Amino acid sequence: MICPHCRGKKVNIVFVDYSDGTGELAKRICPTCQGAGVVTEQQAAQIDAGRALQADRRARGLTLAQEAARLGISPAELSAAELGHRTLDEVLSRKERFAVLDID
């Protein structure tokens, strides 16, 4: 299946912001497909689930920070789930493991 993030192009165009106030556009290897241009069916399903998660959150009028706080996870963890980098189950089980170990 063609990678939905780079659309099979193997790279993404990103803006690199330099600390001096300047920046430039640069090509970066797609982090989703690792530059292959394709993803597995499992990865595609995870990306679709993340998009559905994001659509549900937006339909309820919640920001990323609000939903993350409601779930008791960081906005970065929720973002990773919405982008399909992790499943929400992985994020929540990680949170539970840290709670058992008393780690923030």
Protein backbone atom coordinates (compact mmCIF):
# COMPACT_ATOMS: atom_id res chain seq x y z
CA MET A 1 0.00 0.00 0.00
CA ILE A 2 1.30 3.48 -0.86
CA CYS A 3 2.42 5.46 2.19
CA PRO A 4 -0.33 7.97 3.03
CA HIS A 5 2.10 10.48 4.53
CA CYS A 6 4.53 10.86 1.62
CA ARG A 7 2.13 9.49 -1.02
CA GLY A 8 4.79 7.11 -2.27
CA LYS A 9 7.39 9.84 -2.84
CA LYS A 10 9.64 8.47 -0.05
CA VAL A 11 10.38 11.95 1.29
CA ASN A 12 8.53 14.84 2.91
CA ILE A 13 9.19 18.52 2.42
CA VAL A 14 9.64 20.22 5.78
CA PHE A 15 10.49 23.72 6.92
CA VAL A 16 13.70 23.84 8.93
CA ASP A 17 13.61 26.80 11.31
CA TYR A 18 17.03 28.08 12.34
CA SER A 19 17.57 29.86 15.65
CA ASP A 20 18.66 33.06 13.87
CA GLY A 21 15.15 33.61 12.53
CA THR A 22 15.82 32.17 9.10
CA GLY A 23 14.79 28.86 7.67
CA GLU A 24 14.53 26.81 4.53
CA LEU A 25 12.57 24.01 2.94
CA ALA A 26 14.31 20.64 3.02
CA LYS A 27 13.59 17.08 1.97
CA ARG A 28 13.49 14.52 4.77
CA ILE A 29 13.07 10.77 4.50
CA CYS A 30 9.48 9.91 5.37
CA PRO A 31 9.44 8.67 8.98
CA THR A 32 6.32 6.59 8.36
CA CYS A 33 7.62 4.37 5.56
CA GLN A 34 11.33 4.91 6.29
CA GLY A 35 11.82 6.05 2.70
CA ALA A 36 10.28 2.94 1.12
CA GLY A 37 7.23 4.73 -0.27
CA VAL A 38 4.97 1.90 0.89
CA VAL A 39 3.56 0.71 4.20
CA THR A 40 2.28 -2.66 5.37
CA GLU A 41 -1.43 -3.33 5.76
CA GLN A 42 -0.90 -3.24 9.54
CA GLN A 43 0.73 0.20 9.34
CA ALA A 44 -2.07 1.43 7.07
CA ALA A 45 -4.68 0.20 9.55
CA GLN A 46 -2.84 1.94 12.40
CA ILE A 47 -2.72 5.21 10.42
CA ASP A 48 -6.44 4.93 9.63
CA ALA A 49 -7.22 4.30 13.32
CA GLY A 50 -5.17 7.37 14.25
CA ARG A 51 -7.04 9.52 11.75
CA ALA A 52 -10.35 8.28 13.17
CA LEU A 53 -9.14 9.08 16.68
CA GLN A 54 -8.25 12.62 15.60
CA ALA A 55 -11.55 13.10 13.76
CA ASP A 56 -13.48 11.99 16.85
CA ARG A 57 -11.53 14.39 19.08
CA ARG A 58 -12.12 17.29 16.70
CA ALA A 59 -15.81 16.46 16.35
CA ARG A 60 -16.10 16.78 20.12
CA GLY A 61 -14.39 20.20 19.91
CA LEU A 62 -11.37 19.23 22.01
CA THR A 63 -7.80 20.37 21.49
CA LEU A 64 -4.97 17.89 21.51
CA ALA A 65 -3.94 19.14 24.96
CA GLN A 66 -7.47 18.82 26.35
CA GLU A 67 -7.93 15.26 25.09
CA ALA A 68 -4.48 14.24 26.32
CA ALA A 69 -5.27 15.64 29.77
CA ARG A 70 -8.59 13.78 29.78
CA LEU A 71 -6.79 10.53 28.96
CA GLY A 72 -3.97 11.23 31.41
CA ILE A 73 -1.24 11.15 28.77
CA SER A 74 1.03 13.78 27.24
CA PRO A 75 0.00 15.67 24.09
CA ALA A 76 3.05 14.15 22.36
CA GLU A 77 1.81 10.63 23.11
CA LEU A 78 -1.67 11.44 21.80
CA SER A 79 -0.15 13.04 18.71
CA ALA A 80 1.87 9.86 18.07
CA ALA A 81 -1.36 7.84 18.26
CA GLU A 82 -3.24 10.22 15.96
CA LEU A 83 -0.42 10.13 13.41
CA GLY A 84 -0.37 6.33 13.49
CA HIS A 85 3.12 6.05 14.96
CA ARG A 86 1.69 4.21 17.97
CA THR A 87 -1.69 2.76 18.79
CA LEU A 88 -3.71 4.33 21.57
CA ASP A 89 -3.54 0.97 23.36
CA GLU A 90 0.28 1.11 23.26
CA VAL A 91 0.27 4.64 24.66
CA LEU A 92 -2.17 3.79 27.44
CA SER A 93 -0.43 0.53 28.38
CA ARG A 94 2.88 2.42 28.55
CA LYS A 95 1.22 4.90 30.93
CA GLU A 96 -0.02 2.01 33.09
CA ARG A 97 3.45 0.41 33.19
CA PHE A 98 4.97 3.70 34.34
CA ALA A 99 2.23 4.10 36.98
CA VAL A 100 3.10 0.68 38.41
CA LEU A 101 6.76 1.71 38.55
CA ASP A 102 5.79 5.16 39.90
CA ILE A 103 7.59 6.93 37.03
CA ASP A 104 6.25 10.14 35.46
